[in-house]
């Protein structure tokens, strides 16, 4: 993974020393980033599919119901997935993208038009 843009530190698995929490579900593995973020993922060979779960982490900065985002995946220069606008407490959205042999793709997290603050 190469971070092309991110407001703060990219955290793997444990943001702020605790598990990622989206909606009511805790995740032991994942990537936590702040909006606006662009992360390039380079694969060791041709990829078949990307599956993931996305949403806003529930933490003291985002509770209650703050932190709006839009998550997208770009493959071969084309947007292959775009989430609805999500806020803290929103049910996680499942991502399934056909990579069609791509060796890289972009993960993008936008601020849903209201800036990078959680308000």
Protein backbone atom coordinates (compact mmCIF):
# COMPACT_ATOMS: atom_id res chain seq x y z
CA UNK A 1 0.00 0.00 0.00
CA UNK A 2 1.19 3.47 -0.88
CA UNK A 3 -0.54 6.41 0.80
CA UNK A 4 -1.06 9.11 -1.83
CA UNK A 5 -3.14 11.39 0.41
CA UNK A 6 -4.28 11.18 4.02
CA UNK A 7 -4.95 13.84 6.66
CA UNK A 8 -3.40 11.92 9.52
CA UNK A 9 -1.65 8.62 10.14
CA UNK A 10 -2.86 5.45 8.40
CA UNK A 11 -3.56 2.81 11.06
CA UNK A 12 -3.67 -0.92 10.47
CA UNK A 13 -6.01 -2.95 12.69
CA UNK A 14 -6.07 -0.84 15.86
CA UNK A 15 -6.85 2.87 15.58
CA UNK A 16 -6.31 4.68 18.87
CA UNK A 17 -5.35 1.40 20.57
CA UNK A 18 -8.67 -0.39 20.07
CA UNK A 19 -10.52 -2.48 17.47
CA UNK A 20 -12.13 -0.90 14.43
CA UNK A 21 -15.87 -0.60 15.05
CA UNK A 22 -18.37 -0.01 12.24
CA UNK A 23 -21.97 0.13 13.32
CA UNK A 24 -22.17 -2.46 16.08
CA UNK A 25 -19.50 -4.76 14.67
CA UNK A 26 -15.86 -4.87 15.81
CA UNK A 27 -13.13 -5.88 13.36
CA UNK A 28 -9.73 -7.28 14.36
CA UNK A 29 -8.25 -6.49 10.93
CA UNK A 30 -8.61 -3.47 8.72
CA UNK A 31 -7.31 -0.08 7.68
CA UNK A 32 -8.28 3.15 9.43
CA UNK A 33 -7.72 6.44 7.65
CA UNK A 34 -9.04 9.98 7.80
CA UNK A 35 -10.77 11.80 4.98
CA UNK A 36 -9.68 12.80 2.37
CA UNK A 37 -7.57 9.71 1.58
CA UNK A 38 -6.20 8.00 -1.51
CA UNK A 39 -4.38 4.71 -1.07
CA UNK A 40 -2.78 2.82 -3.94
CA UNK A 41 -2.75 -0.95 -3.48
CA UNK A 42 -0.17 -2.83 -5.57
CA UNK A 43 -0.68 -6.57 -5.89
CA UNK A 44 2.07 -9.17 -6.41
CA UNK A 45 0.23 -10.48 -9.49
CA UNK A 46 -3.05 -10.18 -11.38
CA UNK A 47 -6.00 -9.79 -9.01
CA UNK A 48 -9.34 -11.54 -9.24
CA UNK A 49 -11.58 -9.70 -6.79
CA UNK A 50 -11.60 -7.30 -3.87
CA UNK A 51 -13.99 -7.95 -1.01
CA UNK A 52 -14.21 -5.65 1.98
CA UNK A 53 -16.50 -3.99 4.49
CA UNK A 54 -16.45 -0.18 4.76
CA UNK A 55 -17.88 2.44 7.07
CA UNK A 56 -17.15 5.13 9.63
CA UNK A 57 -15.30 3.98 12.73
CA UNK A 58 -17.21 4.59 15.97
CA UNK A 59 -14.90 6.54 18.26
CA UNK A 60 -15.09 9.61 20.54
CA UNK A 61 -14.50 11.95 17.57
CA UNK A 62 -17.26 10.52 15.39
CA UNK A 63 -19.99 9.72 17.96
CA UNK A 64 -22.90 10.25 17.72
CA UNK A 65 -23.58 10.05 13.98
CA UNK A 66 -20.79 12.30 12.77
CA UNK A 67 -17.94 11.84 10.31
CA UNK A 68 -19.61 11.55 6.89
CA UNK A 69 -17.69 9.78 4.12
CA UNK A 70 -18.05 8.31 0.66
CA UNK A 71 -15.83 5.32 -0.09
CA UNK A 72 -14.81 4.30 -3.61
CA UNK A 73 -12.61 1.81 -5.44
CA UNK A 74 -10.97 2.70 -8.76
CA UNK A 75 -9.72 -0.10 -11.01
CA UNK A 76 -7.95 0.53 -14.32
CA UNK A 77 -8.89 4.22 -14.13
CA UNK A 78 -12.62 3.54 -13.72
CA UNK A 79 -14.71 3.80 -10.57
CA UNK A 80 -15.74 0.20 -9.82
CA UNK A 81 -17.53 0.88 -6.52
CA UNK A 82 -18.99 3.89 -4.73
CA UNK A 83 -20.72 3.73 -1.35
CA UNK A 84 -23.66 5.76 -0.25
CA UNK A 85 -22.90 8.62 2.16
CA UNK A 86 -22.03 7.01 5.46
CA UNK A 87 -21.84 8.40 9.01
CA UNK A 88 -20.88 6.94 12.37
CA UNK A 89 -23.42 4.29 13.32
CA UNK A 90 -24.34 3.52 9.70
CA UNK A 91 -24.52 -0.20 8.93
CA UNK A 92 -21.28 -1.32 7.21
CA UNK A 93 -21.43 -1.57 3.44
CA UNK A 94 -20.05 -4.67 1.72
CA UNK A 95 -17.73 -4.17 -1.24
CA UNK A 96 -17.20 -6.75 -3.97
CA UNK A 97 -15.23 -5.58 -7.00
CA UNK A 98 -14.03 -7.64 -9.97
CA UNK A 99 -10.36 -6.72 -10.47
CA UNK A 100 -10.24 -8.39 -13.90
CA UNK A 101 -6.50 -9.10 -13.69
CA UNK A 102 -5.51 -5.64 -12.47
CA UNK A 103 -2.22 -5.48 -10.56
CA UNK A 104 -3.17 -2.31 -8.70
CA UNK A 105 -6.20 -0.30 -7.63
CA UNK A 106 -7.08 2.81 -5.63
CA UNK A 107 -9.02 3.07 -2.39
CA UNK A 108 -10.50 6.53 -1.93
CA UNK A 109 -12.30 8.03 1.05
CA UNK A 110 -14.04 11.34 0.40
CA UNK A 111 -15.52 13.77 2.90
CA UNK A 112 -19.05 13.66 1.37
CA UNK A 113 -18.86 17.40 0.71
CA UNK A 114 -18.78 18.65 4.31
CA UNK A 115 -15.04 18.92 4.92
CA UNK A 116 -12.67 16.85 7.00
CA UNK A 117 -14.07 17.59 10.43
CA UNK A 118 -16.47 15.23 12.12
CA UNK A 119 -19.21 17.83 12.36
